[in-house]
Amino acid sequence: MSALAVLRTAPDAAATGATAVLADWWEQVTTPQPAPARTTVLVVGVVVLAALTVPGLWHLLRHGLTIVHEAGHAAVAVLVGRRLSGIRVHSDTSGLTVSRGRPRGPGMVATVAAGYPAPAVLGLAAAWLLSRGYALGVLWLLLLVVVLVLLQIRNWYGLWAVLVSGAVLVGVTGWAPAAVQTVVAAALTWFFLLGAPRAVLEMQAQRARLRRRGGRDQSDAGLLAGLTRVPAVVWVGVLLLVCVALLVVGGAWLLAAWPA
């Protein structure tokens, strides 16, 4: 075989190998996982709900919500034509997404309003996938979100938080048995669905404490009030209503999908 033939064959072999890997990956993602009993899914939800009530555990888990919260701001900012400058996640579980564009108007309102519903929207998408047996698809969806946020992280703590989240997802996706992947996917789905309204209530509690101290309201609800002249407490109610509605729909999908 001539040197030219070898050079031509090598890229073809590499392309064939890459195609085979992608085909295998796609088959895994689109192959339904074994379905757990409805009782198992319900118990997982109760455990997640209990975890959200433990202050220290909530503080740790809250970082996952913050990552998705900021991803929601970033995604809508791009969709409305703003220029994304970066994302920060802080050790106190707060976050910041910086984008450039018009300081007011519908686009800015949508960008600010997207944060708190984002985990509930992701949870709803995960519930839809999981209700059809695509537990691995849920994990890959979450991993995609983590990778996209990673590309925009602009502080060291945020980088650490995102990398740890990604490492956990990679470990479960790559090496855990199918039954474990399904349970983890269910736990994460419940976490986003239940954690979203919990985060809105936490925001309102922080606003109340800040108001008693005479501080300036820099919460998403406060920013929305400044942009729209609609009172911040009304925005809190709207965000909470959206998150609860998505929780009800997503929870119904989860509990209706599995055998009793």
Protein backbone atom coordinates (compact mmCIF):
# COMPACT_ATOMS: atom_id res chain seq x y z
CA MET A 1 0.00 0.00 0.00
CA SER A 2 1.34 3.42 -0.92
CA ALA A 3 1.93 6.18 1.61
CA LEU A 4 -0.89 8.18 0.01
CA ALA A 5 -3.28 5.27 0.45
CA VAL A 6 -2.31 4.96 4.11
CA LEU A 7 -2.98 8.66 4.67
CA ARG A 8 -6.38 8.31 3.06
CA THR A 9 -7.28 5.19 5.04
CA ALA A 10 -6.37 6.59 8.47
CA PRO A 11 -8.90 9.47 8.45
CA ASP A 12 -11.56 7.10 7.09
CA ALA A 13 -10.92 4.65 9.94
CA ALA A 14 -11.02 7.46 12.50
CA ALA A 15 -14.28 8.78 11.06
CA THR A 16 -15.78 5.28 11.12
CA GLY A 17 -14.72 4.82 14.73
CA ALA A 18 -16.17 8.18 15.77
CA THR A 19 -19.44 7.36 13.99
CA ALA A 20 -19.62 4.03 15.79
CA VAL A 21 -19.06 5.70 19.15
CA LEU A 22 -21.76 8.31 18.46
CA ALA A 23 -24.17 5.61 17.27
CA ASP A 24 -23.54 3.59 20.43
CA TRP A 25 -24.00 6.68 22.61
CA TRP A 26 -27.24 7.62 20.86
CA GLU A 27 -28.58 4.09 21.25
CA GLN A 28 -27.87 4.20 24.98
CA VAL A 29 -29.54 7.59 25.41
CA THR A 30 -32.65 6.62 23.43
CA THR A 31 -33.07 3.16 24.96
CA PRO A 32 -35.65 3.21 27.79
CA GLN A 33 -34.31 2.25 31.21
CA PRO A 34 -35.97 -0.31 33.53
CA ALA A 35 -38.92 1.30 35.30
CA PRO A 36 -38.91 1.40 39.12
CA ALA A 37 -42.09 1.00 41.13
CA ARG A 38 -44.18 4.11 41.68
CA THR A 39 -43.52 3.67 45.40
CA THR A 40 -39.78 4.01 44.76
CA VAL A 41 -40.25 7.24 42.82
CA LEU A 42 -42.50 8.60 45.57
CA VAL A 43 -40.03 7.64 48.30
CA VAL A 44 -37.21 9.33 46.36
CA GLY A 45 -39.34 12.48 46.18
CA VAL A 46 -40.03 12.41 49.92
CA VAL A 47 -36.31 11.97 50.66
CA VAL A 48 -35.44 14.92 48.41
CA LEU A 49 -38.13 17.04 50.06
CA ALA A 50 -36.75 16.16 53.49
CA ALA A 51 -33.23 17.04 52.36
CA LEU A 52 -34.43 20.49 51.30
CA THR A 53 -35.58 21.20 54.85
CA VAL A 54 -32.17 20.53 56.47
CA PRO A 55 -30.35 23.92 56.59
CA GLY A 56 -26.79 22.63 56.10
CA LEU A 57 -27.79 20.18 53.38
CA TRP A 58 -29.96 22.77 51.68
CA HIS A 59 -26.99 25.18 51.58
CA LEU A 60 -24.89 22.51 49.87
CA LEU A 61 -27.58 21.44 47.42
CA ARG A 62 -28.53 25.05 46.71
CA HIS A 63 -25.40 25.38 44.54
CA GLY A 64 -27.01 23.07 41.98
CA LEU A 65 -30.07 25.30 41.81
CA THR A 66 -27.87 28.38 41.50
CA ILE A 67 -26.03 26.89 38.52
CA VAL A 68 -29.32 26.22 36.72
CA HIS A 69 -30.75 29.58 37.88
CA GLU A 70 -27.86 31.43 36.26
CA ALA A 71 -28.10 29.21 33.19
CA GLY A 72 -31.72 30.38 32.84
CA HIS A 73 -30.67 34.02 32.94
CA ALA A 74 -27.93 33.33 30.39
CA ALA A 75 -30.11 31.31 28.00
CA VAL A 76 -32.85 33.93 27.86
CA ALA A 77 -30.32 36.74 27.54
CA VAL A 78 -28.94 35.08 24.42
CA LEU A 79 -32.42 34.35 23.06
CA VAL A 80 -33.48 38.01 23.33
CA GLY A 81 -30.31 39.21 21.61
CA ARG A 82 -28.20 40.31 24.56
CA ARG A 83 -24.44 39.67 24.64
CA LEU A 84 -23.48 37.27 27.40
CA SER A 85 -20.38 38.34 29.36
CA GLY A 86 -20.11 35.59 31.96
CA ILE A 87 -21.53 33.75 34.95
CA ARG A 88 -20.40 33.71 38.59
CA VAL A 89 -21.41 31.30 41.35
CA HIS A 90 -20.45 32.26 44.91
CA SER A 91 -19.88 30.26 48.08
CA ASP A 92 -22.97 31.77 49.75
CA THR A 93 -25.02 30.12 46.92
CA SER A 94 -25.69 33.47 45.24
CA GLY A 95 -24.85 33.96 41.59
CA LEU A 96 -24.51 36.61 38.93
CA THR A 97 -25.02 36.55 35.18
CA VAL A 98 -23.71 39.55 33.28
CA SER A 99 -25.05 40.40 29.82
CA ARG A 100 -24.85 43.51 27.68
CA GLY A 101 -27.70 45.16 25.87
CA ARG A 102 -30.57 47.55 26.49
CA PRO A 103 -30.88 48.23 30.24
CA ARG A 104 -34.68 48.21 30.06
CA GLY A 105 -37.44 46.77 27.93
CA PRO A 106 -39.06 43.33 27.45
CA GLY A 107 -35.75 41.60 26.75
CA MET A 108 -34.25 42.71 30.05
CA VAL A 109 -37.43 41.82 31.93
CA ALA A 110 -37.45 38.33 30.42
CA THR A 111 -33.76 37.87 31.24
CA VAL A 112 -34.21 38.81 34.90
CA ALA A 113 -37.44 36.82 35.27
CA ALA A 114 -35.92 33.62 33.85
CA GLY A 115 -33.72 32.72 36.82
CA TYR A 116 -36.06 31.28 39.44
CA PRO A 117 -38.31 29.31 37.04
CA ALA A 118 -35.28 27.82 35.25
CA PRO A 119 -34.79 24.86 37.64
CA ALA A 120 -38.52 24.09 37.48
CA VAL A 121 -38.45 24.21 33.66
CA LEU A 122 -35.43 21.87 33.63
CA GLY A 123 -37.19 19.62 36.13
CA LEU A 124 -40.29 19.54 33.93
CA ALA A 125 -38.21 18.55 30.89
CA ALA A 126 -36.47 15.88 32.98
CA ALA A 127 -39.83 14.59 34.26
CA TRP A 128 -41.10 14.29 30.68
CA LEU A 129 -38.01 12.31 29.65
CA LEU A 130 -38.03 10.17 32.76
CA SER A 131 -41.75 9.39 32.43
CA ARG A 132 -40.90 7.81 29.08
CA GLY A 133 -38.02 5.79 30.49
CA TYR A 134 -35.14 7.95 29.31
CA ALA A 135 -33.22 8.19 32.58
CA LEU A 136 -29.89 8.36 30.76
CA GLY A 137 -31.30 11.12 28.58
CA VAL A 138 -32.08 13.11 31.75
CA LEU A 139 -28.50 12.74 32.97
CA TRP A 140 -27.09 13.79 29.61
CA LEU A 141 -29.43 16.79 29.51
CA LEU A 142 -28.16 17.92 32.92
CA LEU A 143 -24.58 17.30 31.85
CA LEU A 144 -25.14 19.48 28.77
CA VAL A 145 -26.40 22.31 30.98
CA VAL A 146 -23.32 21.98 33.21
CA VAL A 147 -20.96 22.08 30.21
CA LEU A 148 -22.64 25.17 28.75
CA VAL A 149 -22.40 26.96 32.11
CA LEU A 150 -18.77 25.88 32.43
CA LEU A 151 -17.95 27.75 29.22
CA GLN A 152 -19.22 30.99 30.79
CA ILE A 153 -17.93 30.69 34.37
CA ARG A 154 -15.77 33.67 35.36
CA ASN A 155 -14.75 32.95 38.99
CA TRP A 156 -12.78 30.21 40.72
CA TYR A 157 -15.45 29.11 43.17
CA GLY A 158 -17.99 28.87 40.38
CA LEU A 159 -15.53 26.82 38.35
CA TRP A 160 -15.06 24.43 41.27
CA ALA A 161 -18.82 24.09 41.86
CA VAL A 162 -19.55 23.40 38.20
CA LEU A 163 -16.68 20.92 37.84
CA VAL A 164 -17.79 18.96 40.91
CA SER A 165 -21.36 18.84 39.58
CA GLY A 166 -20.11 17.69 36.20
CA ALA A 167 -17.85 15.03 37.74
CA VAL A 168 -20.77 13.55 39.68
CA LEU A 169 -22.93 13.43 36.56
CA VAL A 170 -20.14 11.88 34.48
CA GLY A 171 -19.58 9.22 37.15
CA VAL A 172 -23.24 8.24 37.30
CA THR A 173 -23.71 8.43 33.53
CA GLY A 174 -20.58 6.47 32.69
CA TRP A 175 -20.34 3.78 35.34
CA ALA A 176 -23.51 3.40 37.43
CA PRO A 177 -25.89 0.48 36.73
CA ALA A 178 -29.11 1.29 34.88
CA ALA A 179 -31.23 0.96 38.04
CA VAL A 180 -29.00 3.44 39.88
CA GLN A 181 -29.10 5.87 36.94
CA THR A 182 -32.90 5.80 37.04
CA VAL A 183 -33.03 6.51 40.78
CA VAL A 184 -30.46 9.32 40.50
CA ALA A 185 -32.33 10.83 37.54
CA ALA A 186 -35.56 10.70 39.57
CA ALA A 187 -33.84 12.31 42.57
CA LEU A 188 -32.42 15.14 40.46
CA THR A 189 -35.76 15.67 38.74
CA TRP A 190 -37.54 15.94 42.09
CA PHE A 191 -34.74 18.20 43.35
CA PHE A 192 -35.25 20.76 40.59
CA LEU A 193 -39.05 20.59 40.77
CA LEU A 194 -39.19 20.90 44.57
CA GLY A 195 -36.19 23.16 44.95
CA ALA A 196 -37.48 25.86 42.59
CA PRO A 197 -40.39 27.02 44.79
CA ARG A 198 -38.20 26.57 47.88
CA ALA A 199 -35.71 29.04 46.39
CA VAL A 200 -38.47 31.60 45.67
CA LEU A 201 -39.66 31.38 49.28
CA GLU A 202 -36.07 31.83 50.44
CA MET A 203 -35.75 34.94 48.29
CA GLN A 204 -38.86 36.41 49.89
CA ALA A 205 -37.53 35.66 53.38
CA GLN A 206 -34.25 37.39 52.51
CA ARG A 207 -36.17 40.37 51.15
CA ALA A 208 -38.14 40.63 54.40
CA ARG A 209 -34.94 40.59 56.49
CA LEU A 210 -33.34 43.17 54.23
CA ARG A 211 -36.39 45.44 54.44
CA ARG A 212 -36.29 45.36 58.24
CA ARG A 213 -32.66 46.48 58.11
CA GLY A 214 -33.41 49.23 55.61
CA GLY A 215 -31.21 47.71 52.91
CA ARG A 216 -31.62 47.95 49.15
CA ASP A 217 -33.48 45.10 47.45
CA GLN A 218 -31.18 43.57 44.83
CA SER A 219 -33.14 40.35 44.41
CA ASP A 220 -34.59 39.33 41.06
CA ALA A 221 -38.03 40.42 42.29
CA GLY A 222 -36.62 43.79 43.32
CA LEU A 223 -34.93 44.24 39.95
CA LEU A 224 -38.15 43.29 38.15
CA ALA A 225 -40.04 45.84 40.24
CA GLY A 226 -37.59 48.52 39.13
CA LEU A 227 -37.92 47.49 35.50
CA THR A 228 -41.72 47.24 35.40
CA ARG A 229 -43.05 49.31 38.35
CA VAL A 230 -44.96 46.20 39.42
CA PRO A 231 -44.39 45.64 43.16
CA ALA A 232 -41.69 43.12 44.01
CA VAL A 233 -44.06 41.07 46.15
CA VAL A 234 -46.28 40.59 43.09
CA TRP A 235 -43.29 39.28 41.17
CA VAL A 236 -42.53 36.90 44.04
CA GLY A 237 -46.08 35.60 43.76
CA VAL A 238 -45.82 35.18 39.99
CA LEU A 239 -42.49 33.33 40.20
CA LEU A 240 -43.80 31.09 42.98
CA LEU A 241 -46.98 30.34 41.04
CA VAL A 242 -45.00 29.36 37.93
CA CYS A 243 -42.67 27.09 39.92
CA VAL A 244 -45.54 25.41 41.79
CA ALA A 245 -47.48 24.86 38.56
CA LEU A 246 -44.46 23.20 36.94
CA LEU A 247 -43.97 21.10 40.08
CA VAL A 248 -47.57 19.87 39.92
CA VAL A 249 -47.32 18.95 36.23
CA GLY A 250 -43.88 17.37 36.53
CA GLY A 251 -44.81 15.47 39.68
CA ALA A 252 -47.95 14.13 38.01
CA TRP A 253 -45.89 12.91 35.05
CA LEU A 254 -43.44 11.16 37.37
CA LEU A 255 -46.04 9.40 39.50
CA ALA A 256 -48.30 8.43 36.61
CA ALA A 257 -45.52 6.89 34.52
CA TRP A 258 -44.46 4.01 36.73
CA PRO A 259 -46.24 0.76 37.67
CA ALA A 260 -47.75 0.64 41.15
